[in-house]
């Protein structure tokens, strides 16, 4: 992770605590429930861009852009 990205996240975490990051659901920030402007949604999709909500300051992400966790190669989900 680039150092600048880590600093941005740490700043948001200190300021907002557990609400430092928020998923965008359609066009709405799930932290403050305000509509995210279309140009910010486009910027969010660019590689290496960190976009914060204009209203609450949370770092925005889309679930579709988050890479799924790697599956256990042994196929063991840890559930008995």
Protein backbone atom coordinates (compact mmCIF):
# COMPACT_ATOMS: atom_id res chain seq x y z
CA UNK A 1 0.00 0.00 0.00
CA UNK A 2 1.41 3.41 -0.91
CA UNK A 3 2.51 5.51 2.08
CA UNK A 4 0.17 8.37 1.09
CA UNK A 5 -2.83 6.01 1.03
CA UNK A 6 -1.93 4.66 4.45
CA UNK A 7 -1.62 8.19 5.87
CA UNK A 8 -5.03 9.11 4.43
CA UNK A 9 -6.62 6.02 5.95
CA UNK A 10 -4.95 6.57 9.36
CA UNK A 11 -6.13 10.19 9.39
CA UNK A 12 -9.71 9.14 8.58
CA UNK A 13 -9.54 6.39 11.23
CA UNK A 14 -8.41 8.85 13.92
CA UNK A 15 -11.09 11.36 12.92
CA UNK A 16 -14.02 9.02 12.23
CA UNK A 17 -13.21 5.78 14.06
CA UNK A 18 -15.23 2.83 12.76
CA UNK A 19 -16.87 5.06 10.14
CA UNK A 20 -13.54 5.83 8.43
CA UNK A 21 -14.64 3.91 5.34
CA UNK A 22 -18.08 3.71 3.78
CA UNK A 23 -19.49 1.66 0.96
CA UNK A 24 -21.31 3.46 -1.82
CA UNK A 25 -24.67 1.82 -2.41
CA UNK A 26 -25.77 2.96 -5.86
CA UNK A 27 -24.96 6.64 -5.49
CA UNK A 28 -25.39 6.94 -1.70
CA UNK A 29 -22.71 6.99 1.00
CA UNK A 30 -23.75 4.34 3.54
CA UNK A 31 -22.19 6.33 6.40
CA UNK A 32 -24.14 9.59 6.08
CA UNK A 33 -26.77 8.56 3.50
CA UNK A 34 -26.02 11.53 1.26
CA UNK A 35 -25.83 11.27 -2.53
CA UNK A 36 -22.28 11.15 -3.92
CA UNK A 37 -21.79 13.39 -6.95
CA UNK A 38 -21.32 11.53 -10.27
CA UNK A 39 -17.84 12.99 -10.87
CA UNK A 40 -16.67 11.63 -7.49
CA UNK A 41 -18.10 8.21 -8.37
CA UNK A 42 -16.03 8.28 -11.56
CA UNK A 43 -12.89 9.37 -9.72
CA UNK A 44 -13.43 6.58 -7.19
CA UNK A 45 -13.07 4.03 -9.97
CA UNK A 46 -9.66 5.29 -11.05
CA UNK A 47 -6.68 3.26 -9.89
CA UNK A 48 -4.77 4.70 -6.95
CA UNK A 49 -7.47 7.27 -6.16
CA UNK A 50 -8.79 7.70 -2.63
CA UNK A 51 -12.01 9.70 -2.54
CA UNK A 52 -13.68 10.92 0.62
CA UNK A 53 -17.34 11.72 1.06
CA UNK A 54 -17.89 15.47 0.83
CA UNK A 55 -20.37 15.34 3.68
CA UNK A 56 -19.00 12.96 6.33
CA UNK A 57 -15.37 12.53 5.24
CA UNK A 58 -15.47 8.73 5.07
CA UNK A 59 -13.24 7.08 2.47
CA UNK A 60 -15.60 5.75 -0.18
CA UNK A 61 -15.49 2.33 -1.83
CA UNK A 62 -17.75 0.18 -4.00
CA UNK A 63 -18.18 -3.47 -3.11
CA UNK A 64 -17.78 -4.42 -6.78
CA UNK A 65 -14.28 -2.90 -6.77
CA UNK A 66 -13.09 -4.76 -3.68
CA UNK A 67 -11.18 -7.94 -4.46
CA UNK A 68 -12.68 -11.02 -2.79
CA UNK A 69 -10.58 -12.71 -0.14
CA UNK A 70 -8.42 -15.54 -1.40
CA UNK A 71 -10.02 -18.92 -0.85
CA UNK A 72 -8.37 -21.49 1.37
CA UNK A 73 -6.41 -23.75 -1.02
CA UNK A 74 -7.17 -26.74 1.21
CA UNK A 75 -10.88 -26.01 0.95
CA UNK A 76 -11.16 -25.79 4.74
CA UNK A 77 -13.56 -23.01 5.68
CA UNK A 78 -12.82 -23.48 9.36
CA UNK A 79 -16.43 -24.49 10.03
CA UNK A 80 -16.94 -27.83 11.73
